[in-house]
Amino acid sequence: MHLVALEVVIIVAVGATLATPEISRVVGGNNAADGAHPYQVSLRRENSHYCGAVVLNSRWIITAAHCVVLVNTTGVKAVVGTNTLSSGGKVYHPDLFIVHKDYKLVVINDIALIRVSKAIKFTRKVQPVLLPTIDSLTKSYPVKLSGWGKNSTDGEIPENLQEIDLVVISQLKCRVYHPLLLTRGHICTLTVRGEGACNGDSGGPLTNNRTLVGIVSFGRPCAKGFPDVYTRVYHYLKWINQTLSTANSIYNDDIPNFGIDYL
């Protein structure tokens, strides 16, 4: 029961709920400059933003697994190239969702890939993110979180993409706050109370110099002085590369899958 209760907290904290996904944002952030995060994706259902994601290449985006598994993926759209939720950008339609085969307990191996039906057109405001080549995330490593949503659990929804500078903390310190579910596949950030991720930032990017180091996964709502936890991208590089290679060989480009597969 204790673990199940913790999972409920996690889902409410930064992800989509089982019923209606919440819209939320970086807490304590500022408006991002136009085009500052060209890899940023807004995942939407019924024209409402519910999760973030990141452009990997012209056909694939990456997000948190719970942004795929815990919602009805029918009608999901990926919007790129805009900082605003109400206007601009280009809409792409997913035709395949791939979730890590060992995804469990909402936050373990919380990573998924989404293929879009048409190639993403790259512009000044739409570019693929860089992937890390070395595991350089040491204590106090500077990172940037970006996303949309409320500025607090019960706050207002911003029109513009938000960003905030954060720092990585050690797993030892993070485990004090999250003793049950933290693995080597996670990284944590914590600065001060009033800064961090909130509901719906899930799946969005944690970056350093436009290199994707983390994917928003879970935390305690919202920016209450507890660490936020992210999927550690470097830990999953092999899975990302192998999954892209496998998917490109076994899924016919001309025959959309429209479902969720586990690889």
C-alpha atoms as a PDB file:
ATOM      1  CA  MET A   1       0.000   0.000   0.000  1.00  0.00           C
ATOM      2  CA  HIS A   2       2.783   2.436   0.846  1.00  0.00           C
ATOM      3  CA  LEU A   3       4.354   1.979  -2.587  1.00  0.00           C
ATOM      4  CA  VAL A   4       1.033   2.343  -4.370  1.00  0.00           C
ATOM      5  CA  ALA A   5       0.316   5.545  -2.461  1.00  0.00           C
ATOM      6  CA  LEU A   6       3.724   6.877  -3.481  1.00  0.00           C
ATOM      7  CA  GLU A   7       2.955   6.075  -7.104  1.00  0.00           C
ATOM      8  CA  VAL A   8      -0.233   8.133  -6.910  1.00  0.00           C
ATOM      9  CA  VAL A   9       1.786  11.085  -5.611  1.00  0.00           C
ATOM     10  CA  ILE A  10       4.266  10.629  -8.437  1.00  0.00           C
ATOM     11  CA  ILE A  11       1.607  10.614 -11.135  1.00  0.00           C
ATOM     12  CA  VAL A  12       0.028  13.795  -9.800  1.00  0.00           C
ATOM     13  CA  ALA A  13       3.423  15.395  -9.307  1.00  0.00           C
ATOM     14  CA  VAL A  14       4.773  15.736 -12.817  1.00  0.00           C
ATOM     15  CA  GLY A  15       2.842  13.500 -15.153  1.00  0.00           C
ATOM     16  CA  ALA A  16      -0.519  12.822 -16.657  1.00  0.00           C
ATOM     17  CA  THR A  17      -3.266  11.447 -14.442  1.00  0.00           C
ATOM     18  CA  LEU A  18      -5.187   8.306 -15.342  1.00  0.00           C
ATOM     19  CA  ALA A  19      -8.315  10.342 -16.002  1.00  0.00           C
ATOM     20  CA  THR A  20      -7.514  13.800 -17.374  1.00  0.00           C
ATOM     21  CA  PRO A  21      -3.938  14.931 -18.001  1.00  0.00           C
ATOM     22  CA  GLU A  22      -3.051  18.115 -16.134  1.00  0.00           C
ATOM     23  CA  ILE A  23      -1.385  21.061 -17.798  1.00  0.00           C
ATOM     24  CA  SER A  24       1.573  22.401 -15.908  1.00  0.00           C
ATOM     25  CA  ARG A  25       4.888  24.162 -16.153  1.00  0.00           C
ATOM     26  CA  VAL A  26       8.250  24.989 -14.738  1.00  0.00           C
ATOM     27  CA  VAL A  27       7.759  26.569 -11.303  1.00  0.00           C
ATOM     28  CA  GLY A  28       9.762  29.753 -10.741  1.00  0.00           C
ATOM     29  CA  GLY A  29      10.794  30.008 -14.375  1.00  0.00           C
ATOM     30  CA  ASN A  30      10.928  32.846 -16.897  1.00  0.00           C
ATOM     31  CA  ASN A  31       9.683  33.220 -20.444  1.00  0.00           C
ATOM     32  CA  ALA A  32      12.054  31.496 -22.849  1.00  0.00           C
ATOM     33  CA  ALA A  33      13.345  33.509 -25.799  1.00  0.00           C
ATOM     34  CA  ASP A  34      11.751  32.690 -29.133  1.00  0.00           C
ATOM     35  CA  GLY A  35      13.598  29.728 -30.642  1.00  0.00           C
ATOM     36  CA  ALA A  36      15.778  29.173 -27.563  1.00  0.00           C
ATOM     37  CA  HIS A  37      14.660  25.538 -27.297  1.00  0.00           C
ATOM     38  CA  PRO A  38      14.126  24.403 -30.914  1.00  0.00           C
ATOM     39  CA  TYR A  39      13.933  20.740 -29.853  1.00  0.00           C
ATOM     40  CA  GLN A  40      10.960  21.365 -27.528  1.00  0.00           C
ATOM     41  CA  VAL A  41       7.751  19.452 -28.267  1.00  0.00           C
ATOM     42  CA  SER A  42       4.267  19.913 -26.849  1.00  0.00           C
ATOM     43  CA  LEU A  43       2.263  16.667 -26.723  1.00  0.00           C
ATOM     44  CA  ARG A  44      -1.444  17.423 -26.943  1.00  0.00           C
ATOM     45  CA  ARG A  45      -4.783  15.642 -26.728  1.00  0.00           C
ATOM     46  CA  GLU A  46      -8.013  17.387 -27.677  1.00  0.00           C
ATOM     47  CA  ASN A  47      -5.945  20.519 -28.296  1.00  0.00           C
ATOM     48  CA  SER A  48      -4.663  20.587 -24.706  1.00  0.00           C
ATOM     49  CA  HIS A  49      -0.996  20.302 -23.768  1.00  0.00           C
ATOM     50  CA  TYR A  50      -0.425  17.395 -21.374  1.00  0.00           C
ATOM     51  CA  CYS A  51       3.270  16.444 -21.605  1.00  0.00           C
ATOM     52  CA  GLY A  52       6.555  17.589 -23.052  1.00  0.00           C
ATOM     53  CA  ALA A  53       8.809  15.738 -25.470  1.00  0.00           C
ATOM     54  CA  VAL A  54      12.015  16.340 -27.432  1.00  0.00           C
ATOM     55  CA  VAL A  55      12.916  16.149 -31.138  1.00  0.00           C
ATOM     56  CA  LEU A  56      15.519  13.412 -31.725  1.00  0.00           C
ATOM     57  CA  ASN A  57      15.611  13.419 -35.532  1.00  0.00           C
ATOM     58  CA  SER A  58      13.294  14.040 -38.465  1.00  0.00           C
ATOM     59  CA  ARG A  59      10.987  11.119 -37.607  1.00  0.00           C
ATOM     60  CA  TRP A  60      11.420  10.457 -33.903  1.00  0.00           C
ATOM     61  CA  ILE A  61      10.791  12.288 -30.649  1.00  0.00           C
ATOM     62  CA  ILE A  62      11.580  11.137 -27.110  1.00  0.00           C
ATOM     63  CA  THR A  63       9.510  11.490 -23.948  1.00  0.00           C
ATOM     64  CA  ALA A  64       8.686   9.821 -20.632  1.00  0.00           C
ATOM     65  CA  ALA A  65       7.013   6.411 -20.838  1.00  0.00           C
ATOM     66  CA  HIS A  66       4.203   7.478 -18.524  1.00  0.00           C
ATOM     67  CA  CYS A  67       3.280  10.205 -21.033  1.00  0.00           C
ATOM     68  CA  VAL A  68       2.421   7.346 -23.398  1.00  0.00           C
ATOM     69  CA  VAL A  69       1.193   4.529 -21.169  1.00  0.00           C
ATOM     70  CA  LEU A  70      -1.044   6.500 -18.803  1.00  0.00           C
ATOM     71  CA  VAL A  71      -3.085   8.262 -21.493  1.00  0.00           C
ATOM     72  CA  ASN A  72      -5.208   7.263 -24.458  1.00  0.00           C
ATOM     73  CA  THR A  73      -2.766   7.835 -27.316  1.00  0.00           C
ATOM     74  CA  THR A  74      -5.558   8.073 -29.884  1.00  0.00           C
ATOM     75  CA  GLY A  75      -5.511  11.591 -31.240  1.00  0.00           C
ATOM     76  CA  VAL A  76      -2.208  12.595 -29.656  1.00  0.00           C
ATOM     77  CA  LYS A  77      -0.455  15.367 -31.584  1.00  0.00           C
ATOM     78  CA  ALA A  78       3.116  16.611 -31.410  1.00  0.00           C
ATOM     79  CA  VAL A  79       3.534  20.368 -31.887  1.00  0.00           C
ATOM     80  CA  VAL A  80       6.960  21.847 -32.625  1.00  0.00           C
ATOM     81  CA  GLY A  81       8.372  25.259 -33.482  1.00  0.00           C
ATOM     82  CA  THR A  82       6.442  27.507 -31.103  1.00  0.00           C
ATOM     83  CA  ASN A  83       6.839  28.931 -27.605  1.00  0.00           C
ATOM     84  CA  THR A  84       3.117  29.564 -27.209  1.00  0.00           C
ATOM     85  CA  LEU A  85       0.374  27.055 -26.531  1.00  0.00           C
ATOM     86  CA  SER A  86      -2.397  28.912 -28.348  1.00  0.00           C
ATOM     87  CA  SER A  87      -0.761  29.736 -31.667  1.00  0.00           C
ATOM     88  CA  GLY A  88       2.001  28.941 -34.121  1.00  0.00           C
ATOM     89  CA  GLY A  89       4.018  25.813 -34.582  1.00  0.00           C
ATOM     90  CA  LYS A  90       3.673  22.777 -36.801  1.00  0.00           C
ATOM     91  CA  VAL A  91       1.548  19.753 -35.937  1.00  0.00           C
ATOM     92  CA  TYR A  92       2.817  16.205 -36.503  1.00  0.00           C
ATOM     93  CA  HIS A  93       0.822  13.028 -35.967  1.00  0.00           C
ATOM     94  CA  PRO A  94       2.424  10.037 -34.227  1.00  0.00           C
ATOM     95  CA  ASP A  95       2.013   6.641 -35.863  1.00  0.00           C
ATOM     96  CA  LEU A  96       4.098   4.492 -33.501  1.00  0.00           C
ATOM     97  CA  PHE A  97       4.838   4.529 -29.767  1.00  0.00           C
ATOM     98  CA  ILE A  98       7.683   2.450 -28.313  1.00  0.00           C
ATOM     99  CA  VAL A  99       8.049   2.107 -24.542  1.00  0.00           C
ATOM    100  CA  HIS A 100      11.048   0.612 -22.731  1.00  0.00           C
ATOM    101  CA  LYS A 101      10.282  -3.085 -22.214  1.00  0.00           C
ATOM    102  CA  ASP A 102      11.272  -2.885 -18.539  1.00  0.00           C
ATOM    103  CA  TYR A 103       9.142   0.147 -17.731  1.00  0.00           C
ATOM    104  CA  LYS A 104       7.395  -0.380 -14.386  1.00  0.00           C
ATOM    105  CA  LEU A 105       6.123   1.291 -11.229  1.00  0.00           C
ATOM    106  CA  VAL A 106       5.384   4.474 -13.180  1.00  0.00           C
ATOM    107  CA  VAL A 107       8.963   5.792 -12.957  1.00  0.00           C
ATOM    108  CA  ILE A 108      11.390   2.883 -13.518  1.00  0.00           C
ATOM    109  CA  ASN A 109      12.842   2.977 -17.066  1.00  0.00           C
ATOM    110  CA  ASP A 110      10.515   5.904 -17.724  1.00  0.00           C
ATOM    111  CA  ILE A 111      11.441   6.483 -21.352  1.00  0.00           C
ATOM    112  CA  ALA A 112       9.634   6.156 -24.680  1.00  0.00           C
ATOM    113  CA  LEU A 113      10.117   6.946 -28.363  1.00  0.00           C
ATOM    114  CA  ILE A 114       7.416   8.297 -30.665  1.00  0.00           C
ATOM    115  CA  ARG A 115       7.554   8.134 -34.460  1.00  0.00           C
ATOM    116  CA  VAL A 116       5.687  10.776 -36.445  1.00  0.00           C
ATOM    117  CA  SER A 117       4.005   9.974 -39.746  1.00  0.00           C
ATOM    118  CA  LYS A 118       5.837  12.643 -41.776  1.00  0.00           C
ATOM    119  CA  ALA A 119       9.379  13.942 -41.595  1.00  0.00           C
ATOM    120  CA  ILE A 120       9.781  16.946 -39.330  1.00  0.00           C
ATOM    121  CA  LYS A 121      10.912  19.981 -41.293  1.00  0.00           C
ATOM    122  CA  PHE A 122      13.885  21.626 -39.613  1.00  0.00           C
ATOM    123  CA  THR A 123      14.015  25.422 -39.394  1.00  0.00           C
ATOM    124  CA  ARG A 124      15.618  27.986 -37.116  1.00  0.00           C
ATOM    125  CA  LYS A 125      12.934  27.185 -34.544  1.00  0.00           C
ATOM    126  CA  VAL A 126      12.871  23.412 -35.061  1.00  0.00           C
ATOM    127  CA  GLN A 127      16.066  21.410 -34.566  1.00  0.00           C
ATOM    128  CA  PRO A 128      17.005  17.995 -33.128  1.00  0.00           C
ATOM    129  CA  VAL A 129      18.499  17.877 -29.659  1.00  0.00           C
ATOM    130  CA  LEU A 130      22.051  16.652 -29.106  1.00  0.00           C
ATOM    131  CA  LEU A 131      22.579  13.422 -27.168  1.00  0.00           C
ATOM    132  CA  PRO A 132      25.304  13.144 -24.514  1.00  0.00           C
ATOM    133  CA  THR A 133      28.573  11.468 -25.485  1.00  0.00           C
ATOM    134  CA  ILE A 134      29.985  11.219 -21.966  1.00  0.00           C
ATOM    135  CA  ASP A 135      28.408  10.825 -18.545  1.00  0.00           C
ATOM    136  CA  SER A 136      29.442  14.186 -17.113  1.00  0.00           C
ATOM    137  CA  LEU A 137      26.620  14.761 -14.636  1.00  0.00           C
ATOM    138  CA  THR A 138      28.467  15.432 -11.423  1.00  0.00           C
ATOM    139  CA  LYS A 139      27.206  17.235  -8.343  1.00  0.00           C
ATOM    140  CA  SER A 140      26.387  20.920  -9.040  1.00  0.00           C
ATOM    141  CA  TYR A 141      26.417  20.340 -12.825  1.00  0.00           C
ATOM    142  CA  PRO A 142      24.452  23.233 -14.410  1.00  0.00           C
ATOM    143  CA  VAL A 143      21.325  22.297 -16.371  1.00  0.00           C
ATOM    144  CA  LYS A 144      18.276  24.011 -17.828  1.00  0.00           C
ATOM    145  CA  LEU A 145      14.666  22.847 -17.535  1.00  0.00           C
ATOM    146  CA  SER A 146      12.036  24.034 -20.009  1.00  0.00           C
ATOM    147  CA  GLY A 147       8.314  23.388 -20.242  1.00  0.00           C
ATOM    148  CA  TRP A 148       4.748  24.677 -20.093  1.00  0.00           C
ATOM    149  CA  GLY A 149       2.130  24.614 -17.357  1.00  0.00           C
ATOM    150  CA  LYS A 150       1.123  26.035 -13.997  1.00  0.00           C
ATOM    151  CA  ASN A 151       3.530  28.026 -11.861  1.00  0.00           C
ATOM    152  CA  SER A 152       2.302  26.092  -8.811  1.00  0.00           C
ATOM    153  CA  THR A 153      -0.025  23.178  -8.122  1.00  0.00           C
ATOM    154  CA  ASP A 154      -3.045  25.509  -8.215  1.00  0.00           C
ATOM    155  CA  GLY A 155      -1.459  28.295 -10.246  1.00  0.00           C
ATOM    156  CA  GLU A 156      -2.179  29.871 -13.596  1.00  0.00           C
ATOM    157  CA  ILE A 157      -1.237  28.382 -16.949  1.00  0.00           C
ATOM    158  CA  PRO A 158       1.317  30.499 -18.829  1.00  0.00           C
ATOM    159  CA  GLU A 159       0.955  31.160 -22.510  1.00  0.00           C
ATOM    160  CA  ASN A 160       4.705  31.033 -23.114  1.00  0.00           C
ATOM    161  CA  LEU A 161       7.340  28.345 -22.752  1.00  0.00           C
ATOM    162  CA  GLN A 162       9.155  28.667 -19.415  1.00  0.00           C
ATOM    163  CA  GLU A 163      12.790  27.938 -18.588  1.00  0.00           C
ATOM    164  CA  ILE A 164      14.866  27.843 -15.427  1.00  0.00           C
ATOM    165  CA  ASP A 165      18.492  27.158 -14.525  1.00  0.00           C
ATOM    166  CA  LEU A 166      18.972  24.291 -12.067  1.00  0.00           C
ATOM    167  CA  VAL A 167      21.818  22.159 -10.744  1.00  0.00           C
ATOM    168  CA  VAL A 168      22.243  18.406 -10.419  1.00  0.00           C
ATOM    169  CA  ILE A 169      22.493  16.971  -6.905  1.00  0.00           C
ATOM    170  CA  SER A 170      24.098  13.697  -5.877  1.00  0.00           C
ATOM    171  CA  GLN A 171      22.101  10.476  -5.868  1.00  0.00           C
ATOM    172  CA  LEU A 172      23.032  10.079  -2.215  1.00  0.00           C
ATOM    173  CA  LYS A 173      21.285  13.333  -1.328  1.00  0.00           C
ATOM    174  CA  CYS A 174      18.355  12.611  -3.635  1.00  0.00           C
ATOM    175  CA  ARG A 175      17.829   9.164  -2.110  1.00  0.00           C
ATOM    176  CA  VAL A 176      17.096  10.810   1.247  1.00  0.00           C
ATOM    177  CA  TYR A 177      13.921  12.218  -0.319  1.00  0.00           C
ATOM    178  CA  HIS A 178      13.159   9.349  -2.735  1.00  0.00           C
ATOM    179  CA  PRO A 179      14.476   6.171  -1.047  1.00  0.00           C
ATOM    180  CA  LEU A 180      12.266   3.608  -2.804  1.00  0.00           C
ATOM    181  CA  LEU A 181      12.317   4.279  -6.534  1.00  0.00           C
ATOM    182  CA  LEU A 182      15.641   5.921  -7.360  1.00  0.00           C
ATOM    183  CA  THR A 183      17.912   3.916  -9.703  1.00  0.00           C
ATOM    184  CA  ARG A 184      21.119   4.481 -11.683  1.00  0.00           C
ATOM    185  CA  GLY A 185      18.837   5.471 -14.537  1.00  0.00           C
ATOM    186  CA  HIS A 186      17.797   8.643 -12.705  1.00  0.00           C
ATOM    187  CA  ILE A 187      19.305  12.057 -12.034  1.00  0.00           C
ATOM    188  CA  CYS A 188      17.991  14.694  -9.631  1.00  0.00           C
ATOM    189  CA  THR A 189      17.929  18.481  -9.414  1.00  0.00           C
ATOM    190  CA  LEU A 190      17.279  20.777  -6.488  1.00  0.00           C
ATOM    191  CA  THR A 191      17.979  24.473  -5.984  1.00  0.00           C
ATOM    192  CA  VAL A 192      15.598  26.290  -3.647  1.00  0.00           C
ATOM    193  CA  ARG A 193      11.967  25.999  -2.649  1.00  0.00           C
ATOM    194  CA  GLY A 194       9.788  27.528  -5.361  1.00  0.00           C
ATOM    195  CA  GLU A 195      11.887  26.322  -8.305  1.00  0.00           C
ATOM    196  CA  GLY A 196      11.428  23.114 -10.271  1.00  0.00           C
ATOM    197  CA  ALA A 197       9.094  20.935 -12.320  1.00  0.00           C
ATOM    198  CA  CYS A 198       5.339  20.549 -11.895  1.00  0.00           C
ATOM    199  CA  ASN A 199       2.414  18.529 -13.289  1.00  0.00           C
ATOM    200  CA  GLY A 200       2.670  18.000 -17.021  1.00  0.00           C
ATOM    201  CA  ASP A 201       6.302  19.011 -17.407  1.00  0.00           C
ATOM    202  CA  SER A 202       6.798  15.251 -17.687  1.00  0.00           C
ATOM    203  CA  GLY A 203       8.580  14.075 -20.802  1.00  0.00           C
ATOM    204  CA  GLY A 204      10.212  17.451 -21.335  1.00  0.00           C
ATOM    205  CA  PRO A 205      13.926  18.210 -21.599  1.00  0.00           C
ATOM    206  CA  LEU A 206      16.625  18.854 -19.038  1.00  0.00           C
ATOM    207  CA  THR A 207      19.578  20.139 -21.050  1.00  0.00           C
ATOM    208  CA  ASN A 208      23.097  21.507 -20.911  1.00  0.00           C
ATOM    209  CA  ASN A 209      24.200  23.500 -23.971  1.00  0.00           C
ATOM    210  CA  ARG A 210      21.371  21.941 -26.000  1.00  0.00           C
ATOM    211  CA  THR A 211      22.456  18.442 -25.033  1.00  0.00           C
ATOM    212  CA  LEU A 212      19.654  16.321 -23.573  1.00  0.00           C
ATOM    213  CA  VAL A 213      20.798  15.002 -20.209  1.00  0.00           C
ATOM    214  CA  GLY A 214      17.433  14.248 -18.593  1.00  0.00           C
ATOM    215  CA  ILE A 215      13.726  13.683 -19.243  1.00  0.00           C
ATOM    216  CA  VAL A 216      11.292  14.926 -16.597  1.00  0.00           C
ATOM    217  CA  SER A 217       9.950  11.894 -14.711  1.00  0.00           C
ATOM    218  CA  PHE A 218       8.674  12.445 -11.164  1.00  0.00           C
ATOM    219  CA  GLY A 219       8.772  14.405  -7.927  1.00  0.00           C
ATOM    220  CA  ARG A 220       6.635  15.721  -5.100  1.00  0.00           C
ATOM    221  CA  PRO A 221       4.244  18.493  -6.169  1.00  0.00           C
ATOM    222  CA  CYS A 222       5.289  21.149  -6.789  1.00  0.00           C
ATOM    223  CA  ALA A 223       8.634  22.892  -6.077  1.00  0.00           C
ATOM    224  CA  LYS A 224       8.190  22.386  -2.330  1.00  0.00           C
ATOM    225  CA  GLY A 225      11.884  21.975  -1.635  1.00  0.00           C
ATOM    226  CA  PHE A 226      12.147  18.322  -2.677  1.00  0.00           C
ATOM    227  CA  PRO A 227      14.340  17.105  -5.575  1.00  0.00           C
ATOM    228  CA  ASP A 228      12.830  16.569  -9.009  1.00  0.00           C
ATOM    229  CA  VAL A 229      13.810  13.306 -10.688  1.00  0.00           C
ATOM    230  CA  TYR A 230      14.592  12.761 -14.367  1.00  0.00           C
ATOM    231  CA  THR A 231      15.331   9.802 -16.603  1.00  0.00           C
ATOM    232  CA  ARG A 232      19.113   9.861 -17.116  1.00  0.00           C
ATOM    233  CA  VAL A 233      19.541   9.947 -20.900  1.00  0.00           C
ATOM    234  CA  TYR A 234      23.172   8.776 -20.991  1.00  0.00           C
ATOM    235  CA  HIS A 235      22.148   5.608 -19.138  1.00  0.00           C
ATOM    236  CA  TYR A 236      19.737   4.794 -21.989  1.00  0.00           C
ATOM    237  CA  LEU A 237      21.876   5.676 -25.023  1.00  0.00           C
ATOM    238  CA  LYS A 238      22.304   2.026 -25.986  1.00  0.00           C
ATOM    239  CA  TRP A 239      18.564   1.432 -25.723  1.00  0.00           C
ATOM    240  CA  ILE A 240      17.789   4.537 -27.771  1.00  0.00           C
ATOM    241  CA  ASN A 241      20.177   3.610 -30.585  1.00  0.00           C
ATOM    242  CA  GLN A 242      19.192  -0.065 -30.661  1.00  0.00           C
ATOM    243  CA  THR A 243      15.486   0.726 -30.565  1.00  0.00           C
ATOM    244  CA  LEU A 244      15.724   3.217 -33.415  1.00  0.00           C
ATOM    245  CA  SER A 245      17.681   0.695 -35.480  1.00  0.00           C
ATOM    246  CA  THR A 246      15.244  -2.122 -34.713  1.00  0.00           C
ATOM    247  CA  ALA A 247      12.158  -0.012 -35.319  1.00  0.00           C
ATOM    248  CA  ASN A 248      13.438   1.216 -38.666  1.00  0.00           C
ATOM    249  CA  SER A 249      13.949  -2.380 -39.785  1.00  0.00           C
ATOM    250  CA  ILE A 250      10.781  -4.079 -38.491  1.00  0.00           C
ATOM    251  CA  TYR A 251       8.121  -1.392 -38.874  1.00  0.00           C
ATOM    252  CA  ASN A 252       7.138  -0.580 -42.428  1.00  0.00           C
ATOM    253  CA  ASP A 253       7.164   3.170 -42.983  1.00  0.00           C
ATOM    254  CA  ASP A 254       4.124   2.903 -45.234  1.00  0.00           C
ATOM    255  CA  ILE A 255       2.031   0.878 -42.787  1.00  0.00           C
ATOM    256  CA  PRO A 256       1.498   2.860 -39.589  1.00  0.00           C
ATOM    257  CA  ASN A 257       1.314   0.872 -36.360  1.00  0.00           C
ATOM    258  CA  PHE A 258      -0.744   3.382 -34.336  1.00  0.00           C
ATOM    259  CA  GLY A 259      -0.177   1.314 -31.190  1.00  0.00           C
ATOM    260  CA  ILE A 260       2.188   0.966 -28.254  1.00  0.00           C
ATOM    261  CA  ASP A 261       4.995  -1.576 -28.488  1.00  0.00           C
ATOM    262  CA  TYR A 262       7.563  -2.502 -25.850  1.00  0.00           C
ATOM    263  CA  LEU A 263      11.191  -2.996 -26.918  1.00  0.00           C
END
